[in-house]
Amino acid sequence: MSNNSLQIRESTIIQRFDLQIDRAGETFDEEFEVESRSERILGILLTSDREDLMFYRGSQEIKINNQEVYPEGYESKLLMSGLNVAPQERFHEVIFYVGNRKIDVKYKDTDHPKASFQPYRISLYVFMREDEP
């Protein structure tokens, strides 16, 4: 997590991308395109409608502009934040110029004895800075 607070301004764009995890023990590979008026990606946040399942069962690889940000097998629990963290500090700082506007997420669901499978949603929030004239 960043030690700096995310400064939300008029030029900040927040975009959400969802992955539906509907089969146990499989890998879900999605490519997302960020807002065309964005210039830089400042940070990301991973959350779920079933945080217990994401915490115990999830891992992923995330690439921005075909550059690895988090390697395959990176545990989802390392990208989560709790309620005790201020909202503007919950994102993980990554600084990328937008480039090809692509974010690739390869999310893997793995069986875990503490979390029986049920369909769940993973949401990736991307914080960006808008092009400034």
C-alpha atoms as a PDB file:
ATOM      1  CA  MET A   1       0.000   0.000   0.000  1.00  0.00           C
ATOM      2  CA  SER A   2       1.081   3.492  -0.644  1.00  0.00           C
ATOM      3  CA  ASN A   3       2.181   5.623   2.273  1.00  0.00           C
ATOM      4  CA  ASN A   4       0.692   8.589   0.436  1.00  0.00           C
ATOM      5  CA  SER A   5      -3.003   9.273   0.250  1.00  0.00           C
ATOM      6  CA  LEU A   6      -4.597   9.184  -3.176  1.00  0.00           C
ATOM      7  CA  GLN A   7      -5.493  12.722  -4.071  1.00  0.00           C
ATOM      8  CA  ILE A   8      -8.929  12.568  -5.682  1.00  0.00           C
ATOM      9  CA  ARG A   9      -9.323  15.570  -7.972  1.00  0.00           C
ATOM     10  CA  GLU A  10     -11.498  16.507 -10.912  1.00  0.00           C
ATOM     11  CA  SER A  11      -8.881  14.914 -13.162  1.00  0.00           C
ATOM     12  CA  THR A  12      -9.030  11.546 -11.347  1.00  0.00           C
ATOM     13  CA  ILE A  13     -10.888   8.713 -13.067  1.00  0.00           C
ATOM     14  CA  ILE A  14     -11.935   5.605 -11.159  1.00  0.00           C
ATOM     15  CA  GLN A  15     -12.962   2.638 -13.268  1.00  0.00           C
ATOM     16  CA  ARG A  16     -14.262  -0.740 -12.089  1.00  0.00           C
ATOM     17  CA  PHE A  17     -13.821  -4.055 -13.885  1.00  0.00           C
ATOM     18  CA  ASP A  18     -15.567  -7.261 -12.766  1.00  0.00           C
ATOM     19  CA  LEU A  19     -14.709 -10.932 -13.147  1.00  0.00           C
ATOM     20  CA  GLN A  20     -17.429 -13.482 -12.425  1.00  0.00           C
ATOM     21  CA  ILE A  21     -15.938 -16.563 -10.755  1.00  0.00           C
ATOM     22  CA  ASP A  22     -18.540 -19.221 -11.474  1.00  0.00           C
ATOM     23  CA  ARG A  23     -16.517 -22.463 -11.585  1.00  0.00           C
ATOM     24  CA  ALA A  24     -14.384 -23.878  -8.781  1.00  0.00           C
ATOM     25  CA  GLY A  25     -10.694 -24.503  -9.304  1.00  0.00           C
ATOM     26  CA  GLU A  26     -10.384 -22.718 -12.647  1.00  0.00           C
ATOM     27  CA  THR A  27      -8.449 -19.787 -14.061  1.00  0.00           C
ATOM     28  CA  PHE A  28     -10.331 -16.798 -15.460  1.00  0.00           C
ATOM     29  CA  ASP A  29      -8.430 -14.694 -17.975  1.00  0.00           C
ATOM     30  CA  GLU A  30      -9.847 -11.255 -18.822  1.00  0.00           C
ATOM     31  CA  GLU A  31      -8.564  -8.239 -20.709  1.00  0.00           C
ATOM     32  CA  PHE A  32      -9.936  -4.808 -19.837  1.00  0.00           C
ATOM     33  CA  GLU A  33      -9.522  -1.460 -21.538  1.00  0.00           C
ATOM     34  CA  VAL A  34      -9.152   1.688 -19.464  1.00  0.00           C
ATOM     35  CA  GLU A  35     -10.894   4.974 -20.148  1.00  0.00           C
ATOM     36  CA  SER A  36      -9.608   6.658 -23.302  1.00  0.00           C
ATOM     37  CA  ARG A  37      -9.187  10.079 -21.681  1.00  0.00           C
ATOM     38  CA  SER A  38      -6.825   8.727 -19.029  1.00  0.00           C
ATOM     39  CA  GLU A  39      -3.104   9.448 -19.152  1.00  0.00           C
ATOM     40  CA  ARG A  40      -1.623   7.578 -16.200  1.00  0.00           C
ATOM     41  CA  ILE A  41      -2.667   4.685 -13.985  1.00  0.00           C
ATOM     42  CA  LEU A  42      -1.959   5.619 -10.375  1.00  0.00           C
ATOM     43  CA  GLY A  43      -3.181   2.641  -8.424  1.00  0.00           C
ATOM     44  CA  ILE A  44      -5.380  -0.428  -8.195  1.00  0.00           C
ATOM     45  CA  LEU A  45      -7.628  -2.008  -5.594  1.00  0.00           C
ATOM     46  CA  LEU A  46      -8.987  -5.556  -5.551  1.00  0.00           C
ATOM     47  CA  THR A  47     -12.213  -6.405  -3.759  1.00  0.00           C
ATOM     48  CA  SER A  48     -15.025  -8.964  -3.908  1.00  0.00           C
ATOM     49  CA  ASP A  49     -18.657  -9.511  -3.044  1.00  0.00           C
ATOM     50  CA  ARG A  50     -17.352 -12.548  -1.097  1.00  0.00           C
ATOM     51  CA  GLU A  51     -14.090 -11.375   0.444  1.00  0.00           C
ATOM     52  CA  ASP A  52     -13.727 -14.619   2.396  1.00  0.00           C
ATOM     53  CA  LEU A  53     -13.583 -16.601  -0.859  1.00  0.00           C
ATOM     54  CA  MET A  54     -11.172 -14.166  -2.485  1.00  0.00           C
ATOM     55  CA  PHE A  55      -8.963 -14.205   0.646  1.00  0.00           C
ATOM     56  CA  TYR A  56      -8.677 -17.995   0.931  1.00  0.00           C
ATOM     57  CA  ARG A  57      -9.137 -19.159  -2.659  1.00  0.00           C
ATOM     58  CA  GLY A  58      -7.784 -16.432  -4.915  1.00  0.00           C
ATOM     59  CA  SER A  59      -4.531 -15.592  -6.657  1.00  0.00           C
ATOM     60  CA  GLN A  60      -3.834 -13.649  -9.808  1.00  0.00           C
ATOM     61  CA  GLU A  61      -1.451 -12.196 -12.293  1.00  0.00           C
ATOM     62  CA  ILE A  62      -1.983  -8.569 -13.357  1.00  0.00           C
ATOM     63  CA  LYS A  63      -0.350  -6.910 -16.349  1.00  0.00           C
ATOM     64  CA  ILE A  64      -0.632  -3.304 -17.499  1.00  0.00           C
ATOM     65  CA  ASN A  65       0.530  -2.503 -21.050  1.00  0.00           C
ATOM     66  CA  ASN A  66       1.819  -6.103 -21.242  1.00  0.00           C
ATOM     67  CA  GLN A  67       4.142  -5.417 -18.274  1.00  0.00           C
ATOM     68  CA  GLU A  68       3.785  -7.622 -15.228  1.00  0.00           C
ATOM     69  CA  VAL A  69       2.637  -5.702 -12.150  1.00  0.00           C
ATOM     70  CA  TYR A  70       1.863  -8.745  -9.985  1.00  0.00           C
ATOM     71  CA  PRO A  71       3.242 -12.165 -10.972  1.00  0.00           C
ATOM     72  CA  GLU A  72       1.187 -15.303 -11.539  1.00  0.00           C
ATOM     73  CA  GLY A  73       0.182 -16.828  -8.222  1.00  0.00           C
ATOM     74  CA  TYR A  74       0.220 -13.513  -6.319  1.00  0.00           C
ATOM     75  CA  GLU A  75      -2.225 -14.106  -3.477  1.00  0.00           C
ATOM     76  CA  SER A  76      -5.342 -11.958  -3.496  1.00  0.00           C
ATOM     77  CA  LYS A  77      -5.174 -11.437   0.257  1.00  0.00           C
ATOM     78  CA  LEU A  78      -2.030  -9.353  -0.331  1.00  0.00           C
ATOM     79  CA  LEU A  79      -4.048  -6.870  -2.417  1.00  0.00           C
ATOM     80  CA  MET A  80      -6.923  -6.543   0.057  1.00  0.00           C
ATOM     81  CA  SER A  81      -7.334  -3.850   2.701  1.00  0.00           C
ATOM     82  CA  GLY A  82      -9.510  -3.713   5.777  1.00  0.00           C
ATOM     83  CA  LEU A  83     -11.929  -1.185   7.178  1.00  0.00           C
ATOM     84  CA  ASN A  84      -9.209   0.138   9.471  1.00  0.00           C
ATOM     85  CA  VAL A  85      -7.439   1.628   6.431  1.00  0.00           C
ATOM     86  CA  ALA A  86      -8.566   5.090   5.329  1.00  0.00           C
ATOM     87  CA  PRO A  87     -10.421   4.965   1.975  1.00  0.00           C
ATOM     88  CA  GLN A  88      -7.850   7.131   0.174  1.00  0.00           C
ATOM     89  CA  GLU A  89      -5.059   4.758   1.308  1.00  0.00           C
ATOM     90  CA  ARG A  90      -6.621   1.430   0.268  1.00  0.00           C
ATOM     91  CA  PHE A  91      -5.237   1.357  -3.244  1.00  0.00           C
ATOM     92  CA  HIS A  92      -1.899  -0.177  -4.236  1.00  0.00           C
ATOM     93  CA  GLU A  93       0.219   2.415  -5.940  1.00  0.00           C
ATOM     94  CA  VAL A  94       1.355   1.591  -9.465  1.00  0.00           C
ATOM     95  CA  ILE A  95       2.500   4.309 -11.838  1.00  0.00           C
ATOM     96  CA  PHE A  96       2.077   3.536 -15.535  1.00  0.00           C
ATOM     97  CA  TYR A  97       1.459   5.714 -18.534  1.00  0.00           C
ATOM     98  CA  VAL A  98      -1.595   4.233 -20.131  1.00  0.00           C
ATOM     99  CA  GLY A  99       0.050   3.045 -23.370  1.00  0.00           C
ATOM    100  CA  ASN A 100      -2.123   0.392 -25.048  1.00  0.00           C
ATOM    101  CA  ARG A 101      -4.921   0.948 -22.479  1.00  0.00           C
ATOM    102  CA  LYS A 102      -5.001  -2.783 -21.646  1.00  0.00           C
ATOM    103  CA  ILE A 103      -5.082  -4.427 -18.246  1.00  0.00           C
ATOM    104  CA  ASP A 104      -4.831  -8.199 -18.262  1.00  0.00           C
ATOM    105  CA  VAL A 105      -6.020 -10.133 -15.218  1.00  0.00           C
ATOM    106  CA  LYS A 106      -5.558 -13.871 -14.864  1.00  0.00           C
ATOM    107  CA  TYR A 107      -7.433 -14.868 -11.693  1.00  0.00           C
ATOM    108  CA  LYS A 108      -7.174 -18.388 -10.308  1.00  0.00           C
ATOM    109  CA  ASP A 109      -9.635 -19.983  -7.883  1.00  0.00           C
ATOM    110  CA  THR A 110      -8.049 -22.747  -5.782  1.00  0.00           C
ATOM    111  CA  ASP A 111      -9.790 -25.109  -3.359  1.00  0.00           C
ATOM    112  CA  HIS A 112      -9.284 -24.278   0.305  1.00  0.00           C
ATOM    113  CA  PRO A 113     -10.652 -26.148   3.366  1.00  0.00           C
ATOM    114  CA  LYS A 114     -11.772 -22.920   5.078  1.00  0.00           C
ATOM    115  CA  ALA A 115     -13.845 -21.658   2.143  1.00  0.00           C
ATOM    116  CA  SER A 116     -16.249 -23.863   0.191  1.00  0.00           C
ATOM    117  CA  PHE A 117     -16.861 -22.689  -3.344  1.00  0.00           C
ATOM    118  CA  GLN A 118     -19.828 -20.524  -4.250  1.00  0.00           C
ATOM    119  CA  PRO A 119     -19.959 -18.228  -7.277  1.00  0.00           C
ATOM    120  CA  TYR A 120     -18.445 -14.842  -6.493  1.00  0.00           C
ATOM    121  CA  ARG A 121     -17.363 -11.615  -8.133  1.00  0.00           C
ATOM    122  CA  ILE A 122     -13.909 -10.055  -8.152  1.00  0.00           C
ATOM    123  CA  SER A 123     -13.768  -6.306  -8.773  1.00  0.00           C
ATOM    124  CA  LEU A 124     -10.643  -4.466  -9.867  1.00  0.00           C
ATOM    125  CA  TYR A 125     -10.738  -0.710  -9.325  1.00  0.00           C
ATOM    126  CA  VAL A 126      -8.279   1.319 -11.364  1.00  0.00           C
ATOM    127  CA  PHE A 127      -7.390   4.878 -10.338  1.00  0.00           C
ATOM    128  CA  MET A 128      -6.185   7.035 -13.232  1.00  0.00           C
ATOM    129  CA  ARG A 129      -5.253  10.609 -13.980  1.00  0.00           C
ATOM    130  CA  GLU A 130      -7.055  12.297 -16.859  1.00  0.00           C
ATOM    131  CA  ASP A 131      -5.120  13.974 -19.659  1.00  0.00           C
ATOM    132  CA  GLU A 132      -4.596  17.571 -18.689  1.00  0.00           C
ATOM    133  CA  PRO A 133      -4.366  20.175 -21.479  1.00  0.00           C
END
